[in-house]
Amino acid sequence: MVLKYSTKEGDTVDYIVWKQYGSTDNKIVEQVLSFNNGLAEAGPILPAGMTVLFPDIQSKPTETAKVKLWD
């Protein structure tokens, strides 16, 4: 299922991707940009009222380093 989002003043691609997928992983951002022709050309801050389509992406949480507090 493809979801739609109408941008608001001050939205960025990273921000709306984070709101939708809970991640700003570069692979996900690239997929959203590829899925929406002309989105990258809109600039870093998107104009209000643009429709952005979100493809069905299963985001994986990024791995974090394991930290040992005590030996």
PDB file of N, CA and C in Angstrom:
ATOM      1  N   MET A   1       0.843  -1.173   0.000  1.00  0.00           N
ATOM      2  CA  MET A   1       0.000   0.000   0.000  1.00  0.00           C
ATOM      3  C   MET A   1       0.897   1.250   0.000  1.00  0.00           C
ATOM      4  N   VAL A   2       0.588   2.192  -0.823  1.00  0.00           N
ATOM      5  CA  VAL A   2       1.340   3.431  -0.930  1.00  0.00           C
ATOM      6  C   VAL A   2       0.614   4.512  -0.132  1.00  0.00           C
ATOM      7  N   LEU A   3       1.354   5.138   0.778  1.00  0.00           N
ATOM      8  CA  LEU A   3       0.785   6.222   1.577  1.00  0.00           C
ATOM      9  C   LEU A   3       1.165   7.561   0.975  1.00  0.00           C
ATOM     10  N   LYS A   4       0.301   8.556   1.150  1.00  0.00           N
ATOM     11  CA  LYS A   4       0.553   9.906   0.641  1.00  0.00           C
ATOM     12  C   LYS A   4       0.747  10.859   1.814  1.00  0.00           C
ATOM     13  N   TYR A   5       1.561  11.873   1.574  1.00  0.00           N
ATOM     14  CA  TYR A   5       1.785  12.913   2.571  1.00  0.00           C
ATOM     15  C   TYR A   5       1.823  14.248   1.852  1.00  0.00           C
ATOM     16  N   SER A   6       1.135  15.236   2.393  1.00  0.00           N
ATOM     17  CA  SER A   6       1.161  16.591   1.853  1.00  0.00           C
ATOM     18  C   SER A   6       2.107  17.414   2.723  1.00  0.00           C
ATOM     19  N   THR A   7       3.167  17.941   2.103  1.00  0.00           N
ATOM     20  CA  THR A   7       4.186  18.645   2.875  1.00  0.00           C
ATOM     21  C   THR A   7       3.646  19.923   3.495  1.00  0.00           C
ATOM     22  N   LYS A   8       4.271  20.258   4.608  1.00  0.00           N
ATOM     23  CA  LYS A   8       3.969  21.498   5.306  1.00  0.00           C
ATOM     24  C   LYS A   8       5.209  22.379   5.237  1.00  0.00           C
ATOM     25  N   GLU A   9       5.045  23.664   5.456  1.00  0.00           N
ATOM     26  CA  GLU A   9       6.161  24.598   5.389  1.00  0.00           C
ATOM     27  C   GLU A   9       7.283  24.151   6.333  1.00  0.00           C
ATOM     28  N   GLY A  10       8.502  24.072   5.795  1.00  0.00           N
ATOM     29  CA  GLY A  10       9.664  23.697   6.591  1.00  0.00           C
ATOM     30  C   GLY A  10       9.996  22.219   6.573  1.00  0.00           C
ATOM     31  N   ASP A  11       9.150  21.374   5.966  1.00  0.00           N
ATOM     32  CA  ASP A  11       9.443  19.936   5.897  1.00  0.00           C
ATOM     33  C   ASP A  11      10.688  19.668   5.071  1.00  0.00           C
ATOM     34  N   THR A  12      11.448  18.672   5.492  1.00  0.00           N
ATOM     35  CA  THR A  12      12.569  18.169   4.706  1.00  0.00           C
ATOM     36  C   THR A  12      12.303  16.701   4.418  1.00  0.00           C
ATOM     37  N   VAL A  13      12.986  16.165   3.422  1.00  0.00           N
ATOM     38  CA  VAL A  13      12.796  14.755   3.082  1.00  0.00           C
ATOM     39  C   VAL A  13      13.180  13.881   4.270  1.00  0.00           C
ATOM     40  N   ASP A  14      14.316  14.167   4.903  1.00  0.00           N
ATOM     41  CA  ASP A  14      14.738  13.368   6.057  1.00  0.00           C
ATOM     42  C   ASP A  14      13.673  13.352   7.151  1.00  0.00           C
ATOM     43  N   TYR A  15      13.083  14.521   7.405  1.00  0.00           N
ATOM     44  CA  TYR A  15      12.082  14.620   8.468  1.00  0.00           C
ATOM     45  C   TYR A  15      10.838  13.795   8.156  1.00  0.00           C
ATOM     46  N   ILE A  16      10.319  13.924   6.945  1.00  0.00           N
ATOM     47  CA  ILE A  16       9.089  13.182   6.640  1.00  0.00           C
ATOM     48  C   ILE A  16       9.359  11.680   6.521  1.00  0.00           C
ATOM     49  N   VAL A  17      10.568  11.308   6.097  1.00  0.00           N
ATOM     50  CA  VAL A  17      10.933   9.883   6.072  1.00  0.00           C
ATOM     51  C   VAL A  17      11.004   9.361   7.504  1.00  0.00           C
ATOM     52  N   TRP A  18      11.596  10.141   8.399  1.00  0.00           N
ATOM     53  CA  TRP A  18      11.666   9.732   9.807  1.00  0.00           C
ATOM     54  C   TRP A  18      10.259   9.593  10.406  1.00  0.00           C
ATOM     55  N   LYS A  19       9.362  10.537  10.086  1.00  0.00           N
ATOM     56  CA  LYS A  19       7.990  10.457  10.602  1.00  0.00           C
ATOM     57  C   LYS A  19       7.284   9.200  10.098  1.00  0.00           C
ATOM     58  N   GLN A  20       7.526   8.834   8.841  1.00  0.00           N
ATOM     59  CA  GLN A  20       6.825   7.698   8.258  1.00  0.00           C
ATOM     60  C   GLN A  20       7.438   6.352   8.658  1.00  0.00           C
ATOM     61  N   TYR A  21       8.771   6.271   8.608  1.00  0.00           N
ATOM     62  CA  TYR A  21       9.434   4.981   8.796  1.00  0.00           C
ATOM     63  C   TYR A  21      10.175   4.851  10.128  1.00  0.00           C
ATOM     64  N   GLY A  22      10.324   5.948  10.858  1.00  0.00           N
ATOM     65  CA  GLY A  22      11.046   5.888  12.120  1.00  0.00           C
ATOM     66  C   GLY A  22      12.547   5.776  11.952  1.00  0.00           C
ATOM     67  N   SER A  23      13.035   6.123  10.769  1.00  0.00           N
ATOM     68  CA  SER A  23      14.463   6.031  10.473  1.00  0.00           C
ATOM     69  C   SER A  23      14.806   7.013   9.365  1.00  0.00           C
ATOM     70  N   THR A  24      16.049   7.489   9.391  1.00  0.00           N
ATOM     71  CA  THR A  24      16.528   8.318   8.285  1.00  0.00           C
ATOM     72  C   THR A  24      17.686   7.621   7.587  1.00  0.00           C
ATOM     73  N   ASP A  25      17.653   6.298   7.601  1.00  0.00           N
ATOM     74  CA  ASP A  25      18.663   5.506   6.913  1.00  0.00           C
ATOM     75  C   ASP A  25      18.757   5.965   5.455  1.00  0.00           C
ATOM     76  N   ASN A  26      19.974   6.155   4.967  1.00  0.00           N
ATOM     77  CA  ASN A  26      20.178   6.662   3.603  1.00  0.00           C
ATOM     78  C   ASN A  26      19.501   5.807   2.543  1.00  0.00           C
ATOM     79  N   LYS A  27      19.459   4.497   2.733  1.00  0.00           N
ATOM     80  CA  LYS A  27      18.815   3.614   1.743  1.00  0.00           C
ATOM     81  C   LYS A  27      17.317   3.903   1.649  1.00  0.00           C
ATOM     82  N   ILE A  28      16.699   4.174   2.782  1.00  0.00           N
ATOM     83  CA  ILE A  28      15.265   4.468   2.779  1.00  0.00           C
ATOM     84  C   ILE A  28      15.014   5.825   2.126  1.00  0.00           C
ATOM     85  N   VAL A  29      15.826   6.822   2.484  1.00  0.00           N
ATOM     86  CA  VAL A  29      15.679   8.155   1.885  1.00  0.00           C
ATOM     87  C   VAL A  29      15.849   8.066   0.374  1.00  0.00           C
ATOM     88  N   GLU A  30      16.842   7.317  -0.088  1.00  0.00           N
ATOM     89  CA  GLU A  30      17.071   7.155  -1.525  1.00  0.00           C
ATOM     90  C   GLU A  30      15.885   6.491  -2.208  1.00  0.00           C
ATOM     91  N   GLN A  31      15.271   5.501  -1.554  1.00  0.00           N
ATOM     92  CA  GLN A  31      14.105   4.832  -2.145  1.00  0.00           C
ATOM     93  C   GLN A  31      12.929   5.795  -2.264  1.00  0.00           C
ATOM     94  N   VAL A  32      12.725   6.626  -1.248  1.00  0.00           N
ATOM     95  CA  VAL A  32      11.629   7.609  -1.303  1.00  0.00           C
ATOM     96  C   VAL A  32      11.901   8.627  -2.407  1.00  0.00           C
ATOM     97  N   LEU A  33      13.151   9.092  -2.515  1.00  0.00           N
ATOM     98  CA  LEU A  33      13.498  10.045  -3.579  1.00  0.00           C
ATOM     99  C   LEU A  33      13.293   9.418  -4.956  1.00  0.00           C
ATOM    100  N   SER A  34      13.683   8.158  -5.128  1.00  0.00           N
ATOM    101  CA  SER A  34      13.501   7.468  -6.412  1.00  0.00           C
ATOM    102  C   SER A  34      12.027   7.252  -6.739  1.00  0.00           C
ATOM    103  N   PHE A  35      11.226   7.049  -5.711  1.00  0.00           N
ATOM    104  CA  PHE A  35       9.801   6.769  -5.880  1.00  0.00           C
ATOM    105  C   PHE A  35       9.023   8.025  -6.269  1.00  0.00           C
ATOM    106  N   ASN A  36       9.592   9.208  -5.994  1.00  0.00           N
ATOM    107  CA  ASN A  36       8.918  10.485  -6.240  1.00  0.00           C
ATOM    108  C   ASN A  36       9.728  11.322  -7.215  1.00  0.00           C
ATOM    109  N   ASN A  37       9.358  11.277  -8.483  1.00  0.00           N
ATOM    110  CA  ASN A  37      10.061  12.065  -9.501  1.00  0.00           C
ATOM    111  C   ASN A  37      10.012  13.549  -9.153  1.00  0.00           C
ATOM    112  N   GLY A  38      11.176  14.200  -9.201  1.00  0.00           N
ATOM    113  CA  GLY A  38      11.249  15.628  -8.958  1.00  0.00           C
ATOM    114  C   GLY A  38      11.396  16.029  -7.504  1.00  0.00           C
ATOM    115  N   LEU A  39      11.311  15.086  -6.594  1.00  0.00           N
ATOM    116  CA  LEU A  39      11.396  15.426  -5.173  1.00  0.00           C
ATOM    117  C   LEU A  39      12.788  15.949  -4.817  1.00  0.00           C
ATOM    118  N   ALA A  40      13.817  15.323  -5.332  1.00  0.00           N
ATOM    119  CA  ALA A  40      15.190  15.764  -5.034  1.00  0.00           C
ATOM    120  C   ALA A  40      15.443  17.174  -5.567  1.00  0.00           C
ATOM    121  N   GLU A  41      14.848  17.517  -6.703  1.00  0.00           N
ATOM    122  CA  GLU A  41      15.047  18.825  -7.313  1.00  0.00           C
ATOM    123  C   GLU A  41      14.318  19.934  -6.565  1.00  0.00           C
ATOM    124  N   ALA A  42      13.417  19.565  -5.646  1.00  0.00           N
ATOM    125  CA  ALA A  42      12.655  20.572  -4.898  1.00  0.00           C
ATOM    126  C   ALA A  42      13.518  21.299  -3.877  1.00  0.00           C
ATOM    127  N   GLY A  43      14.686  20.753  -3.581  1.00  0.00           N
ATOM    128  CA  GLY A  43      15.599  21.408  -2.641  1.00  0.00           C
ATOM    129  C   GLY A  43      15.551  20.782  -1.267  1.00  0.00           C
ATOM    130  N   PRO A  44      16.420  21.267  -0.371  1.00  0.00           N
ATOM    131  CA  PRO A  44      16.499  20.664   0.962  1.00  0.00           C
ATOM    132  C   PRO A  44      15.264  20.920   1.822  1.00  0.00           C
ATOM    133  N   ILE A  45      14.646  22.084   1.664  1.00  0.00           N
ATOM    134  CA  ILE A  45      13.397  22.381   2.377  1.00  0.00           C
ATOM    135  C   ILE A  45      12.283  22.369   1.344  1.00  0.00           C
ATOM    136  N   LEU A  46      11.355  21.448   1.535  1.00  0.00           N
ATOM    137  CA  LEU A  46      10.294  21.238   0.545  1.00  0.00           C
ATOM    138  C   LEU A  46       9.233  22.330   0.629  1.00  0.00           C
ATOM    139  N   PRO A  47       8.683  22.715  -0.514  1.00  0.00           N
ATOM    140  CA  PRO A  47       7.595  23.687  -0.487  1.00  0.00           C
ATOM    141  C   PRO A  47       6.327  23.054   0.102  1.00  0.00           C
ATOM    142  N   ALA A  48       5.529  23.858   0.745  1.00  0.00           N
ATOM    143  CA  ALA A  48       4.269  23.374   1.312  1.00  0.00           C
ATOM    144  C   ALA A  48       3.332  22.934   0.197  1.00  0.00           C
ATOM    145  N   GLY A  49       2.585  21.871   0.453  1.00  0.00           N
ATOM    146  CA  GLY A  49       1.577  21.405  -0.489  1.00  0.00           C
ATOM    147  C   GLY A  49       2.039  20.367  -1.490  1.00  0.00           C
ATOM    148  N   MET A  50       3.305  19.959  -1.443  1.00  0.00           N
ATOM    149  CA  MET A  50       3.776  18.892  -2.337  1.00  0.00           C
ATOM    150  C   MET A  50       3.217  17.559  -1.844  1.00  0.00           C
ATOM    151  N   THR A  51       2.866  16.699  -2.773  1.00  0.00           N
ATOM    152  CA  THR A  51       2.441  15.356  -2.400  1.00  0.00           C
ATOM    153  C   THR A  51       3.631  14.425  -2.517  1.00  0.00           C
ATOM    154  N   VAL A  52       3.932  13.730  -1.427  1.00  0.00           N
ATOM    155  CA  VAL A  52       5.023  12.761  -1.394  1.00  0.00           C
ATOM    156  C   VAL A  52       4.398  11.388  -1.188  1.00  0.00           C
ATOM    157  N   LEU A  53       4.795  10.448  -2.028  1.00  0.00           N
ATOM    158  CA  LEU A  53       4.321   9.074  -1.915  1.00  0.00           C
ATOM    159  C   LEU A  53       5.371   8.239  -1.197  1.00  0.00           C
ATOM    160  N   PHE A  54       4.926   7.396  -0.278  1.00  0.00           N
ATOM    161  CA  PHE A  54       5.826   6.526   0.470  1.00  0.00           C
ATOM    162  C   PHE A  54       5.649   5.089   0.006  1.00  0.00           C
ATOM    163  N   PRO A  55       6.720   4.493  -0.532  1.00  0.00           N
ATOM    164  CA  PRO A  55       6.636   3.087  -0.928  1.00  0.00           C
ATOM    165  C   PRO A  55       6.605   2.194   0.312  1.00  0.00           C
ATOM    166  N   ASP A  56       6.171   0.966   0.126  1.00  0.00           N
ATOM    167  CA  ASP A  56       6.135  -0.003   1.212  1.00  0.00           C
ATOM    168  C   ASP A  56       7.562  -0.487   1.473  1.00  0.00           C
ATOM    169  N   ILE A  57       8.147  -0.022   2.559  1.00  0.00           N
ATOM    170  CA  ILE A  57       9.523  -0.370   2.910  1.00  0.00           C
ATOM    171  C   ILE A  57       9.524  -0.929   4.323  1.00  0.00           C
ATOM    172  N   GLN A  58      10.178  -2.037   4.483  1.00  0.00           N
ATOM    173  CA  GLN A  58      10.349  -2.598   5.817  1.00  0.00           C
ATOM    174  C   GLN A  58      11.683  -2.111   6.343  1.00  0.00           C
ATOM    175  N   SER A  59      11.669  -1.133   7.236  1.00  0.00           N
ATOM    176  CA  SER A  59      12.924  -0.599   7.760  1.00  0.00           C
ATOM    177  C   SER A  59      13.430  -1.486   8.884  1.00  0.00           C
ATOM    178  N   LYS A  60      14.738  -1.715   8.845  1.00  0.00           N
ATOM    179  CA  LYS A  60      15.378  -2.489   9.897  1.00  0.00           C
ATOM    180  C   LYS A  60      16.071  -1.505  10.833  1.00  0.00           C
ATOM    181  N   PRO A  61      15.973  -1.745  12.124  1.00  0.00           N
ATOM    182  CA  PRO A  61      16.693  -0.857  13.029  1.00  0.00           C
ATOM    183  C   PRO A  61      18.193  -0.960  12.789  1.00  0.00           C
ATOM    184  N   THR A  62      18.869   0.160  12.899  1.00  0.00           N
ATOM    185  CA  THR A  62      20.310   0.137  12.691  1.00  0.00           C
ATOM    186  C   THR A  62      20.984  -0.528  13.876  1.00  0.00           C
ATOM    187  N   GLU A  63      22.069  -1.218  13.597  1.00  0.00           N
ATOM    188  CA  GLU A  63      22.788  -1.891  14.660  1.00  0.00           C
ATOM    189  C   GLU A  63      23.553  -0.873  15.485  1.00  0.00           C
ATOM    190  N   THR A  64      23.581  -1.093  16.763  1.00  0.00           N
ATOM    191  CA  THR A  64      24.342  -0.243  17.639  1.00  0.00           C
ATOM    192  C   THR A  64      25.500  -1.038  18.225  1.00  0.00           C
ATOM    193  N   ALA A  65      26.549  -0.351  18.576  1.00  0.00           N
ATOM    194  CA  ALA A  65      27.706  -1.019  19.159  1.00  0.00           C
ATOM    195  C   ALA A  65      27.341  -1.566  20.527  1.00  0.00           C
ATOM    196  N   LYS A  66      27.869  -2.746  20.821  1.00  0.00           N
ATOM    197  CA  LYS A  66      27.639  -3.341  22.133  1.00  0.00           C
ATOM    198  C   LYS A  66      28.698  -2.780  23.083  1.00  0.00           C
ATOM    199  N   VAL A  67      28.227  -2.265  24.166  1.00  0.00           N
ATOM    200  CA  VAL A  67      29.116  -1.654  25.142  1.00  0.00           C
ATOM    201  C   VAL A  67      29.115  -2.493  26.410  1.00  0.00           C
ATOM    202  N   LYS A  68      30.305  -2.819  26.895  1.00  0.00           N
ATOM    203  CA  LYS A  68      30.421  -3.538  28.156  1.00  0.00           C
ATOM    204  C   LYS A  68      30.800  -2.523  29.231  1.00  0.00           C
ATOM    205  N   LEU A  69      29.936  -2.374  30.201  1.00  0.00           N
ATOM    206  CA  LEU A  69      30.218  -1.441  31.263  1.00  0.00           C
ATOM    207  C   LEU A  69      31.188  -2.026  32.286  1.00  0.00           C
ATOM    208  N   TRP A  70      31.093  -3.320  32.494  1.00  0.00           N
ATOM    209  CA  TRP A  70      31.997  -3.998  33.435  1.00  0.00           C
ATOM    210  C   TRP A  70      32.484  -5.278  32.797  1.00  0.00           C
ATOM    211  N   ASP A  71      33.696  -5.704  33.192  1.00  0.00           N
ATOM    212  CA  ASP A  71      34.230  -6.975  32.678  1.00  0.00           C
ATOM    213  C   ASP A  71      33.690  -8.140  33.458  1.00  0.00           C
TER     214      ASP A  71
END
